[in-house]
Amino acid sequence: MKKILIPMSVAAILVGCDSGSTSPDPFIKGDLIYERHIDPNGVGSMTCNVYSTGNVVMAELNVNMITDNSNMGFKLEGNFGKQPATYRGEYTMDGIFLMFSEQTCEEAKEQVEDLDNAKTSCSDNKTSFSALIKDANETNKSFYIARLTSYMERYCDQVYNNTIQQFNKAANQVDPKGEIAEKALSCGVQVNGNVVQQSIIYSNKTGVSTGTYLGNYKYSVREEYTGIDDETLAKVCEAYKKDEYKSNVVCSGSVFTFEEMNPDIETLVEGTEKYICPALLSGGMTLEDLWFEED
C-alpha cells in the first residue's frame, strides 16, 4: 500500500531528546498557543493544537473520517517542570486507521531504540512511548521548550497540509448526494501452495486476480474482470504497460496477464487482508485506485 492518510512519524520532534521513562500521569494541556483545524465536512474533520503552561508544552491531534466513522488521535508532551524533564507521546486509532497500528509501533520503537531505559507499548489501537530529557535544567529549559514547541507547530502544519490533500482526494470519490464511493460486497484472498488468488465482488462487477509465485519476488499474474466497459479496460491495459513493476503485459478483452514484482506470499496475503480488502469494503479504495495507483 502506498496510501498514507497523515504523516505518522515523530522523528523531527524527537531530535534532541535523550533516554526514557514512562509516566502514568494525565497529559497536561495548559493554554492554547497554536492551532490548525479543518471544520467537519462531507469527508471528515481535523484539529491539531499546541498548549503550554510555561513548564509543559503539549500537542494534541485528532482526525475523524466521517465517511467511515474512523478516528485517529495523537498526544505529545514535554514536561520541563520535572527533574529530569520527561517526554512522552501516544497514538490512538480505530476504523480505517487501524491499518497504521504496526507502522506507528515500529516508528515509535525506532525513535527510542538507542535511548537508555526507553519504553514503548503497542497494541492494535494504541501506541505509546516515553523518554527523559536528562540535559534539560533550569538554565537551558527555555531553549528546549522553544525547540519542542517549534517542532509541534511544524507537525501540526504538516498534518494539516497532508490531511487537506487526502480530504480533497476522498471528496472526489463522493457522489453529488454525498455518498462515499461504492463499497465492495466481498473481498477475500486464498492461498494454495505457490498460488495466491484475490476475489473482489461488487453489485455490478467483479475482479479475480491469480498470482503464481515464481521465486525471487516475481509472480505470474492473471486478472479477469466482469462488468467493466471496454474503454476502461483499454485504459487499464495502457496503465499496466507503463507500470515499471509489470512486464510481459498481454491484454485480451477483460483478461490481463503479466509478470510482476511483489513481496513474498505471506507478506502479500497479510497486506491484502489487513489493508486492501478493508479499504475496498469501506469504500475508501476502489478498483480504479488499484488499477491507476500513483506513487
C-alpha atoms as a PDB file:
ATOM      1  CA  MET A   1       0.000   0.000   0.000  1.00  0.00           C
ATOM      2  CA  LYS A   2       1.272   3.442  -0.906  1.00  0.00           C
ATOM      3  CA  LYS A   3      -1.602   5.448   0.569  1.00  0.00           C
ATOM      4  CA  ILE A   4      -0.925   7.220   3.845  1.00  0.00           C
ATOM      5  CA  LEU A   5      -3.647   9.415   5.295  1.00  0.00           C
ATOM      6  CA  ILE A   6      -1.476  11.550   7.543  1.00  0.00           C
ATOM      7  CA  PRO A   7       2.225  11.709   8.486  1.00  0.00           C
ATOM      8  CA  MET A   8       2.772   9.339  11.393  1.00  0.00           C
ATOM      9  CA  SER A   9       6.495   9.826  12.073  1.00  0.00           C
ATOM     10  CA  VAL A  10       7.643  11.874  15.050  1.00  0.00           C
ATOM     11  CA  ALA A  11      11.297  11.757  14.001  1.00  0.00           C
ATOM     12  CA  ALA A  12      11.729  15.512  13.767  1.00  0.00           C
ATOM     13  CA  ILE A  13      10.105  16.144  17.131  1.00  0.00           C
ATOM     14  CA  LEU A  14      12.306  13.629  18.903  1.00  0.00           C
ATOM     15  CA  VAL A  15      15.540  15.341  17.836  1.00  0.00           C
ATOM     16  CA  GLY A  16      17.455  16.420  20.929  1.00  0.00           C
ATOM     17  CA  CYS A  17      15.683  14.090  23.417  1.00  0.00           C
ATOM     18  CA  ASP A  18      17.615  11.547  25.464  1.00  0.00           C
ATOM     19  CA  SER A  19      16.881   8.316  27.410  1.00  0.00           C
ATOM     20  CA  GLY A  20      13.475   7.010  28.504  1.00  0.00           C
ATOM     21  CA  SER A  21      10.983   6.559  31.329  1.00  0.00           C
ATOM     22  CA  THR A  22       7.231   6.039  31.476  1.00  0.00           C
ATOM     23  CA  SER A  23       4.905   8.384  33.375  1.00  0.00           C
ATOM     24  CA  PRO A  24       1.306   7.405  34.239  1.00  0.00           C
ATOM     25  CA  ASP A  25       0.154  10.998  34.837  1.00  0.00           C
ATOM     26  CA  PRO A  26      -2.543  12.551  32.617  1.00  0.00           C
ATOM     27  CA  PHE A  27      -1.310  14.725  29.767  1.00  0.00           C
ATOM     28  CA  ILE A  28      -1.126  18.419  30.712  1.00  0.00           C
ATOM     29  CA  LYS A  29      -2.663  20.892  28.247  1.00  0.00           C
ATOM     30  CA  GLY A  30      -2.151  24.407  29.600  1.00  0.00           C
ATOM     31  CA  ASP A  31      -3.064  27.431  27.469  1.00  0.00           C
ATOM     32  CA  LEU A  32      -3.669  27.139  23.731  1.00  0.00           C
ATOM     33  CA  ILE A  33      -0.765  28.775  21.842  1.00  0.00           C
ATOM     34  CA  TYR A  34      -1.132  27.356  18.305  1.00  0.00           C
ATOM     35  CA  GLU A  35      -3.830  25.571  16.316  1.00  0.00           C
ATOM     36  CA  ARG A  36      -4.681  24.248  12.860  1.00  0.00           C
ATOM     37  CA  HIS A  37      -8.091  22.796  12.088  1.00  0.00           C
ATOM     38  CA  ILE A  38     -10.396  21.584   9.336  1.00  0.00           C
ATOM     39  CA  ASP A  39     -14.082  22.041  10.099  1.00  0.00           C
ATOM     40  CA  PRO A  40     -16.361  18.993   9.665  1.00  0.00           C
ATOM     41  CA  ASN A  41     -17.298  18.480   6.017  1.00  0.00           C
ATOM     42  CA  GLY A  42     -18.590  15.629   3.887  1.00  0.00           C
ATOM     43  CA  VAL A  43     -15.339  13.714   4.379  1.00  0.00           C
ATOM     44  CA  GLY A  44     -14.029  14.422   7.874  1.00  0.00           C
ATOM     45  CA  SER A  45     -12.544  16.890  10.336  1.00  0.00           C
ATOM     46  CA  MET A  46      -9.175  17.586  11.933  1.00  0.00           C
ATOM     47  CA  THR A  47      -7.782  19.603  14.843  1.00  0.00           C
ATOM     48  CA  CYS A  48      -4.170  19.994  15.929  1.00  0.00           C
ATOM     49  CA  ASN A  49      -3.484  22.185  18.960  1.00  0.00           C
ATOM     50  CA  VAL A  50      -0.333  23.122  20.878  1.00  0.00           C
ATOM     51  CA  TYR A  51      -0.632  24.052  24.579  1.00  0.00           C
ATOM     52  CA  SER A  52       1.795  25.459  27.136  1.00  0.00           C
ATOM     53  CA  THR A  53       1.904  26.101  30.887  1.00  0.00           C
ATOM     54  CA  GLY A  54       5.374  27.632  30.897  1.00  0.00           C
ATOM     55  CA  ASN A  55       6.983  24.402  32.089  1.00  0.00           C
ATOM     56  CA  VAL A  56       4.952  21.983  29.974  1.00  0.00           C
ATOM     57  CA  VAL A  57       4.365  22.037  26.206  1.00  0.00           C
ATOM     58  CA  MET A  58       1.876  19.609  24.711  1.00  0.00           C
ATOM     59  CA  ALA A  59       0.426  18.895  21.248  1.00  0.00           C
ATOM     60  CA  GLU A  60      -2.893  17.153  20.621  1.00  0.00           C
ATOM     61  CA  LEU A  61      -4.105  15.921  17.237  1.00  0.00           C
ATOM     62  CA  ASN A  62      -7.493  14.465  16.344  1.00  0.00           C
ATOM     63  CA  VAL A  63      -8.575  13.320  12.882  1.00  0.00           C
ATOM     64  CA  ASN A  64     -12.040  11.960  12.100  1.00  0.00           C
ATOM     65  CA  MET A  65     -13.103  10.366   8.817  1.00  0.00           C
ATOM     66  CA  ILE A  66     -16.856  10.944   8.671  1.00  0.00           C
ATOM     67  CA  THR A  67     -17.270   8.648   5.662  1.00  0.00           C
ATOM     68  CA  ASP A  68     -16.471   5.537   7.703  1.00  0.00           C
ATOM     69  CA  ASN A  69     -16.513   6.890  11.286  1.00  0.00           C
ATOM     70  CA  SER A  70     -12.788   6.311  11.827  1.00  0.00           C
ATOM     71  CA  ASN A  71     -10.682   8.292  14.292  1.00  0.00           C
ATOM     72  CA  MET A  72      -7.001   8.868  14.970  1.00  0.00           C
ATOM     73  CA  GLY A  73      -5.557  10.778  17.916  1.00  0.00           C
ATOM     74  CA  PHE A  74      -2.028  11.785  18.884  1.00  0.00           C
ATOM     75  CA  LYS A  75      -0.669  13.433  22.039  1.00  0.00           C
ATOM     76  CA  LEU A  76       2.895  14.603  22.657  1.00  0.00           C
ATOM     77  CA  GLU A  77       4.178  16.224  25.835  1.00  0.00           C
ATOM     78  CA  GLY A  78       7.429  17.659  27.158  1.00  0.00           C
ATOM     79  CA  ASN A  79       7.366  18.398  30.897  1.00  0.00           C
ATOM     80  CA  PHE A  80      10.274  20.607  31.961  1.00  0.00           C
ATOM     81  CA  GLY A  81       8.906  21.241  35.444  1.00  0.00           C
ATOM     82  CA  LYS A  82      10.238  17.832  36.471  1.00  0.00           C
ATOM     83  CA  GLN A  83      13.803  16.792  37.170  1.00  0.00           C
ATOM     84  CA  PRO A  84      14.782  15.135  34.968  1.00  0.00           C
ATOM     85  CA  ALA A  85      12.413  16.507  32.341  1.00  0.00           C
ATOM     86  CA  THR A  86      10.009  13.977  30.798  1.00  0.00           C
ATOM     87  CA  TYR A  87       8.957  13.431  27.218  1.00  0.00           C
ATOM     88  CA  ARG A  88       6.140  11.135  26.057  1.00  0.00           C
ATOM     89  CA  GLY A  89       3.649  10.502  23.274  1.00  0.00           C
ATOM     90  CA  GLU A  90       0.597   8.422  22.489  1.00  0.00           C
ATOM     91  CA  TYR A  91      -1.293   7.342  19.358  1.00  0.00           C
ATOM     92  CA  THR A  92      -4.862   6.022  19.468  1.00  0.00           C
ATOM     93  CA  MET A  93      -6.764   4.797  16.412  1.00  0.00           C
ATOM     94  CA  ASP A  94      -9.814   2.899  15.222  1.00  0.00           C
ATOM     95  CA  GLY A  95     -11.590   2.070  11.965  1.00  0.00           C
ATOM     96  CA  ILE A  96      -9.536   2.515   8.812  1.00  0.00           C
ATOM     97  CA  PHE A  97      -6.668   3.996  10.848  1.00  0.00           C
ATOM     98  CA  LEU A  98      -6.011   0.570  12.366  1.00  0.00           C
ATOM     99  CA  MET A  99      -4.071  -0.194   9.196  1.00  0.00           C
ATOM    100  CA  PHE A 100      -1.346   2.076  10.603  1.00  0.00           C
ATOM    101  CA  SER A 101      -1.066   0.345  14.018  1.00  0.00           C
ATOM    102  CA  GLU A 102       2.026  -1.662  13.142  1.00  0.00           C
ATOM    103  CA  GLN A 103       3.618   1.298  11.403  1.00  0.00           C
ATOM    104  CA  THR A 104       3.188   3.607  14.412  1.00  0.00           C
ATOM    105  CA  CYS A 105       4.554   0.917  16.737  1.00  0.00           C
ATOM    106  CA  GLU A 106       7.669   0.327  14.648  1.00  0.00           C
ATOM    107  CA  GLU A 107       8.318   4.033  14.219  1.00  0.00           C
ATOM    108  CA  ALA A 108       7.943   4.654  17.953  1.00  0.00           C
ATOM    109  CA  LYS A 109      10.421   1.852  18.691  1.00  0.00           C
ATOM    110  CA  GLU A 110      12.893   3.270  16.186  1.00  0.00           C
ATOM    111  CA  GLN A 111      12.747   6.681  17.860  1.00  0.00           C
ATOM    112  CA  VAL A 112      13.756   5.320  21.270  1.00  0.00           C
ATOM    113  CA  GLU A 113      15.758   2.175  20.426  1.00  0.00           C
ATOM    114  CA  ASP A 114      19.100   3.883  21.116  1.00  0.00           C
ATOM    115  CA  LEU A 115      17.945   5.641  24.285  1.00  0.00           C
ATOM    116  CA  ASP A 116      18.592   4.443  27.856  1.00  0.00           C
ATOM    117  CA  ASN A 117      15.584   2.913  29.645  1.00  0.00           C
ATOM    118  CA  ALA A 118      13.447   3.523  26.584  1.00  0.00           C
ATOM    119  CA  LYS A 119       9.870   2.238  26.870  1.00  0.00           C
ATOM    120  CA  THR A 120       7.337   1.640  24.110  1.00  0.00           C
ATOM    121  CA  SER A 121       3.947  -0.032  24.450  1.00  0.00           C
ATOM    122  CA  CYS A 122       1.931  -1.186  21.423  1.00  0.00           C
ATOM    123  CA  SER A 123      -1.471  -2.750  20.829  1.00  0.00           C
ATOM    124  CA  ASP A 124      -3.784  -2.861  17.808  1.00  0.00           C
ATOM    125  CA  ASN A 125      -5.358   0.507  18.617  1.00  0.00           C
ATOM    126  CA  LYS A 126      -2.752   2.299  20.747  1.00  0.00           C
ATOM    127  CA  THR A 127       0.971   3.077  20.684  1.00  0.00           C
ATOM    128  CA  SER A 128       2.713   4.964  23.479  1.00  0.00           C
ATOM    129  CA  PHE A 129       6.322   5.880  24.210  1.00  0.00           C
ATOM    130  CA  SER A 130       8.252   7.910  26.778  1.00  0.00           C
ATOM    131  CA  ALA A 131      11.697   9.316  27.492  1.00  0.00           C
ATOM    132  CA  LEU A 132      13.721  11.507  29.841  1.00  0.00           C
ATOM    133  CA  ILE A 133      15.450  14.695  28.691  1.00  0.00           C
ATOM    134  CA  LYS A 134      18.424  14.440  31.036  1.00  0.00           C
ATOM    135  CA  ASP A 135      20.244  17.523  29.766  1.00  0.00           C
ATOM    136  CA  ALA A 136      17.335  19.908  30.417  1.00  0.00           C
ATOM    137  CA  ASN A 137      17.700  22.078  33.533  1.00  0.00           C
ATOM    138  CA  GLU A 138      16.564  25.454  34.877  1.00  0.00           C
ATOM    139  CA  THR A 139      19.277  27.242  32.922  1.00  0.00           C
ATOM    140  CA  ASN A 140      18.504  25.839  29.473  1.00  0.00           C
ATOM    141  CA  LYS A 141      14.901  24.644  29.716  1.00  0.00           C
ATOM    142  CA  SER A 142      13.612  27.684  27.788  1.00  0.00           C
ATOM    143  CA  PHE A 143      15.710  26.517  24.826  1.00  0.00           C
ATOM    144  CA  TYR A 144      14.235  23.012  24.998  1.00  0.00           C
ATOM    145  CA  ILE A 145      10.692  24.343  25.360  1.00  0.00           C
ATOM    146  CA  ALA A 146      11.106  26.690  22.387  1.00  0.00           C
ATOM    147  CA  ARG A 147      12.615  23.927  20.259  1.00  0.00           C
ATOM    148  CA  LEU A 148       9.919  21.378  21.076  1.00  0.00           C
ATOM    149  CA  THR A 149       7.176  23.986  20.607  1.00  0.00           C
ATOM    150  CA  SER A 150       8.535  24.792  17.138  1.00  0.00           C
ATOM    151  CA  TYR A 151       8.562  21.115  16.170  1.00  0.00           C
ATOM    152  CA  MET A 152       4.995  20.678  17.434  1.00  0.00           C
ATOM    153  CA  GLU A 153       3.767  23.651  15.411  1.00  0.00           C
ATOM    154  CA  ARG A 154       5.509  22.347  12.294  1.00  0.00           C
ATOM    155  CA  TYR A 155       3.980  18.926  12.922  1.00  0.00           C
ATOM    156  CA  CYS A 156       0.508  20.495  13.033  1.00  0.00           C
ATOM    157  CA  ASP A 157       1.253  22.311   9.771  1.00  0.00           C
ATOM    158  CA  GLN A 158       2.436  19.086   8.146  1.00  0.00           C
ATOM    159  CA  VAL A 159      -0.606  17.114   9.266  1.00  0.00           C
ATOM    160  CA  TYR A 160      -2.944  19.920   8.213  1.00  0.00           C
ATOM    161  CA  ASN A 161      -1.499  20.125   4.690  1.00  0.00           C
ATOM    162  CA  ASN A 162      -1.455  16.350   4.246  1.00  0.00           C
ATOM    163  CA  THR A 163      -4.988  15.934   5.579  1.00  0.00           C
ATOM    164  CA  ILE A 164      -6.324  18.668   3.276  1.00  0.00           C
ATOM    165  CA  GLN A 165      -4.888  16.765   0.309  1.00  0.00           C
ATOM    166  CA  GLN A 166      -6.370  13.458   1.473  1.00  0.00           C
ATOM    167  CA  PHE A 167      -9.796  15.004   2.176  1.00  0.00           C
ATOM    168  CA  ASN A 168      -9.823  16.590  -1.281  1.00  0.00           C
ATOM    169  CA  LYS A 169      -8.921  13.256  -2.842  1.00  0.00           C
ATOM    170  CA  ALA A 170     -11.625  11.474  -0.844  1.00  0.00           C
ATOM    171  CA  ALA A 171     -14.153  14.159  -1.837  1.00  0.00           C
ATOM    172  CA  ASN A 172     -13.591  13.233  -5.475  1.00  0.00           C
ATOM    173  CA  GLN A 173     -14.909   9.771  -4.600  1.00  0.00           C
ATOM    174  CA  VAL A 174     -18.161  11.214  -3.225  1.00  0.00           C
ATOM    175  CA  ASP A 175     -21.206  11.450  -5.494  1.00  0.00           C
ATOM    176  CA  PRO A 176     -23.480  14.555  -5.630  1.00  0.00           C
ATOM    177  CA  LYS A 177     -25.739  13.071  -2.950  1.00  0.00           C
ATOM    178  CA  GLY A 178     -22.815  12.951  -0.507  1.00  0.00           C
ATOM    179  CA  GLU A 179     -22.421   9.179  -0.534  1.00  0.00           C
ATOM    180  CA  ILE A 180     -18.940   7.680  -0.486  1.00  0.00           C
ATOM    181  CA  ALA A 181     -17.537   5.598  -3.304  1.00  0.00           C
ATOM    182  CA  GLU A 182     -19.146   2.224  -3.923  1.00  0.00           C
ATOM    183  CA  LYS A 183     -18.240  -0.408  -1.353  1.00  0.00           C
ATOM    184  CA  ALA A 184     -17.242  -3.899  -2.367  1.00  0.00           C
ATOM    185  CA  LEU A 185     -19.716  -6.573  -1.247  1.00  0.00           C
ATOM    186  CA  SER A 186     -16.920  -9.039  -0.558  1.00  0.00           C
ATOM    187  CA  CYS A 187     -13.142  -9.244  -0.769  1.00  0.00           C
ATOM    188  CA  GLY A 188     -11.048 -12.291   0.006  1.00  0.00           C
ATOM    189  CA  VAL A 189      -7.699 -13.925  -0.618  1.00  0.00           C
ATOM    190  CA  GLN A 190      -6.852 -17.633  -0.763  1.00  0.00           C
ATOM    191  CA  VAL A 191      -3.525 -19.477  -0.934  1.00  0.00           C
ATOM    192  CA  ASN A 192      -2.923 -22.881  -2.480  1.00  0.00           C
ATOM    193  CA  GLY A 193       0.762 -23.748  -2.438  1.00  0.00           C
ATOM    194  CA  ASN A 194       2.528 -21.095  -4.506  1.00  0.00           C
ATOM    195  CA  VAL A 195      -0.718 -19.678  -5.937  1.00  0.00           C
ATOM    196  CA  VAL A 196      -2.467 -16.631  -4.432  1.00  0.00           C
ATOM    197  CA  GLN A 197      -5.962 -15.646  -5.577  1.00  0.00           C
ATOM    198  CA  GLN A 198      -7.838 -12.470  -4.667  1.00  0.00           C
ATOM    199  CA  SER A 199     -11.557 -12.032  -5.445  1.00  0.00           C
ATOM    200  CA  ILE A 200     -13.375  -8.690  -5.302  1.00  0.00           C
ATOM    201  CA  ILE A 201     -17.135  -8.601  -5.803  1.00  0.00           C
ATOM    202  CA  TYR A 202     -19.358  -5.537  -6.287  1.00  0.00           C
ATOM    203  CA  SER A 203     -23.063  -5.455  -7.061  1.00  0.00           C
ATOM    204  CA  ASN A 204     -22.380  -4.896 -10.761  1.00  0.00           C
ATOM    205  CA  LYS A 205     -18.778  -6.023 -11.360  1.00  0.00           C
ATOM    206  CA  THR A 206     -16.149  -8.488 -10.189  1.00  0.00           C
ATOM    207  CA  GLY A 207     -12.412  -8.912 -10.339  1.00  0.00           C
ATOM    208  CA  VAL A 208     -10.303 -12.035  -9.819  1.00  0.00           C
ATOM    209  CA  SER A 209      -6.509 -11.908  -9.669  1.00  0.00           C
ATOM    210  CA  THR A 210      -4.487 -15.135  -9.598  1.00  0.00           C
ATOM    211  CA  GLY A 211      -0.758 -14.936  -8.962  1.00  0.00           C
ATOM    212  CA  THR A 212       1.703 -17.818  -9.192  1.00  0.00           C
ATOM    213  CA  TYR A 213       4.911 -17.244  -7.247  1.00  0.00           C
ATOM    214  CA  LEU A 214       7.953 -17.864  -9.440  1.00  0.00           C
ATOM    215  CA  GLY A 215      10.590 -17.119  -6.812  1.00  0.00           C
ATOM    216  CA  ASN A 216      12.819 -14.088  -6.229  1.00  0.00           C
ATOM    217  CA  TYR A 217       9.710 -11.967  -5.508  1.00  0.00           C
ATOM    218  CA  LYS A 218       8.335 -12.439  -9.025  1.00  0.00           C
ATOM    219  CA  TYR A 219       4.772 -13.545  -9.808  1.00  0.00           C
ATOM    220  CA  SER A 220       2.996 -14.625 -12.965  1.00  0.00           C
ATOM    221  CA  VAL A 221      -0.402 -12.929 -12.737  1.00  0.00           C
ATOM    222  CA  ARG A 222      -3.740 -13.380 -14.486  1.00  0.00           C
ATOM    223  CA  GLU A 223      -6.542 -10.876 -13.869  1.00  0.00           C
ATOM    224  CA  GLU A 224     -10.090 -11.218 -15.161  1.00  0.00           C
ATOM    225  CA  TYR A 225     -12.976  -8.766 -14.761  1.00  0.00           C
ATOM    226  CA  THR A 226     -16.695  -8.720 -15.442  1.00  0.00           C
ATOM    227  CA  GLY A 227     -18.937  -5.673 -15.710  1.00  0.00           C
ATOM    228  CA  ILE A 228     -16.136  -3.324 -16.842  1.00  0.00           C
ATOM    229  CA  ASP A 229     -16.676  -1.312 -20.047  1.00  0.00           C
ATOM    230  CA  ASP A 230     -14.262  -1.567 -22.976  1.00  0.00           C
ATOM    231  CA  GLU A 231     -12.982   1.996 -22.629  1.00  0.00           C
ATOM    232  CA  THR A 232     -11.945   1.422 -19.015  1.00  0.00           C
ATOM    233  CA  LEU A 233     -10.349  -1.925 -19.886  1.00  0.00           C
ATOM    234  CA  ALA A 234      -8.273  -0.190 -22.555  1.00  0.00           C
ATOM    235  CA  LYS A 235      -7.093   2.402 -20.014  1.00  0.00           C
ATOM    236  CA  VAL A 236      -6.168  -0.363 -17.580  1.00  0.00           C
ATOM    237  CA  CYS A 237      -4.139  -2.080 -20.288  1.00  0.00           C
ATOM    238  CA  GLU A 238      -2.313   1.157 -21.078  1.00  0.00           C
ATOM    239  CA  ALA A 239      -1.578   1.802 -17.385  1.00  0.00           C
ATOM    240  CA  TYR A 240      -0.268  -1.732 -16.856  1.00  0.00           C
ATOM    241  CA  LYS A 241       2.099  -1.458 -19.830  1.00  0.00           C
ATOM    242  CA  LYS A 242       3.555   1.730 -18.329  1.00  0.00           C
ATOM    243  CA  ASP A 243       3.914   0.200 -14.856  1.00  0.00           C
ATOM    244  CA  GLU A 244       7.606  -0.262 -14.075  1.00  0.00           C
ATOM    245  CA  TYR A 245       6.817  -3.226 -11.788  1.00  0.00           C
ATOM    246  CA  LYS A 246       4.969  -5.156 -14.516  1.00  0.00           C
ATOM    247  CA  SER A 247       6.476  -6.890 -17.559  1.00  0.00           C
ATOM    248  CA  ASN A 248       5.254  -9.018 -20.469  1.00  0.00           C
ATOM    249  CA  VAL A 249       1.792  -7.432 -20.225  1.00  0.00           C
ATOM    250  CA  VAL A 250      -0.803  -9.034 -22.528  1.00  0.00           C
ATOM    251  CA  CYS A 251      -4.348  -7.622 -22.736  1.00  0.00           C
ATOM    252  CA  SER A 252      -7.207  -9.645 -24.185  1.00  0.00           C
ATOM    253  CA  GLY A 253     -10.569  -8.028 -23.552  1.00  0.00           C
ATOM    254  CA  SER A 254     -11.278  -8.341 -19.841  1.00  0.00           C
ATOM    255  CA  VAL A 255      -8.283 -10.627 -19.192  1.00  0.00           C
ATOM    256  CA  PHE A 256      -4.802  -9.318 -18.369  1.00  0.00           C
ATOM    257  CA  THR A 257      -1.659 -11.418 -17.928  1.00  0.00           C
ATOM    258  CA  PHE A 258       1.744 -10.158 -16.855  1.00  0.00           C
ATOM    259  CA  GLU A 259       4.694 -10.752 -14.550  1.00  0.00           C
ATOM    260  CA  GLU A 260       5.047  -8.530 -11.501  1.00  0.00           C
ATOM    261  CA  MET A 261       7.406  -7.946  -8.593  1.00  0.00           C
ATOM    262  CA  ASN A 262       5.746  -8.239  -5.172  1.00  0.00           C
ATOM    263  CA  PRO A 263       6.640  -9.276  -1.602  1.00  0.00           C
ATOM    264  CA  ASP A 264       6.706 -12.923  -0.539  1.00  0.00           C
ATOM    265  CA  ILE A 265       3.369 -14.748  -0.350  1.00  0.00           C
ATOM    266  CA  GLU A 266       2.924 -14.339   3.410  1.00  0.00           C
ATOM    267  CA  THR A 267       3.532 -10.585   3.286  1.00  0.00           C
ATOM    268  CA  LEU A 268       1.355 -10.185   0.192  1.00  0.00           C
ATOM    269  CA  VAL A 269      -1.562 -12.004   1.793  1.00  0.00           C
ATOM    270  CA  GLU A 270      -1.223 -10.071   5.037  1.00  0.00           C
ATOM    271  CA  GLY A 271      -1.266  -6.761   3.169  1.00  0.00           C
ATOM    272  CA  THR A 272      -4.356  -7.790   1.224  1.00  0.00           C
ATOM    273  CA  GLU A 273      -6.250  -8.976   4.300  1.00  0.00           C
ATOM    274  CA  LYS A 274      -5.309  -6.116   6.612  1.00  0.00           C
ATOM    275  CA  TYR A 275      -5.178  -3.151   4.248  1.00  0.00           C
ATOM    276  CA  ILE A 276      -6.566  -3.608   0.746  1.00  0.00           C
ATOM    277  CA  CYS A 277      -9.733  -5.599   1.489  1.00  0.00           C
ATOM    278  CA  PRO A 278     -10.844  -3.399   4.436  1.00  0.00           C
ATOM    279  CA  ALA A 279     -10.318  -0.300   2.265  1.00  0.00           C
ATOM    280  CA  LEU A 280     -12.341  -1.778  -0.616  1.00  0.00           C
ATOM    281  CA  LEU A 281     -15.118  -2.918   1.716  1.00  0.00           C
ATOM    282  CA  SER A 282     -15.338   0.528   3.369  1.00  0.00           C
ATOM    283  CA  GLY A 283     -15.385   2.442   0.089  1.00  0.00           C
ATOM    284  CA  GLY A 284     -12.077   4.107   0.972  1.00  0.00           C
ATOM    285  CA  MET A 285     -10.468   2.439  -2.046  1.00  0.00           C
ATOM    286  CA  THR A 286     -11.839   1.470  -5.453  1.00  0.00           C
ATOM    287  CA  LEU A 287     -10.776  -0.769  -8.306  1.00  0.00           C
ATOM    288  CA  GLU A 288      -9.637   2.415 -10.067  1.00  0.00           C
ATOM    289  CA  ASP A 289      -7.219   3.063  -7.197  1.00  0.00           C
ATOM    290  CA  LEU A 290      -5.712  -0.395  -7.707  1.00  0.00           C
ATOM    291  CA  TRP A 291      -5.511  -0.009 -11.482  1.00  0.00           C
ATOM    292  CA  PHE A 292      -4.195   3.538 -11.649  1.00  0.00           C
ATOM    293  CA  GLU A 293      -2.438   3.878  -8.297  1.00  0.00           C
ATOM    294  CA  GLU A 294       0.072   6.715  -8.280  1.00  0.00           C
ATOM    295  CA  ASP A 295       3.378   6.745  -6.443  1.00  0.00           C
END
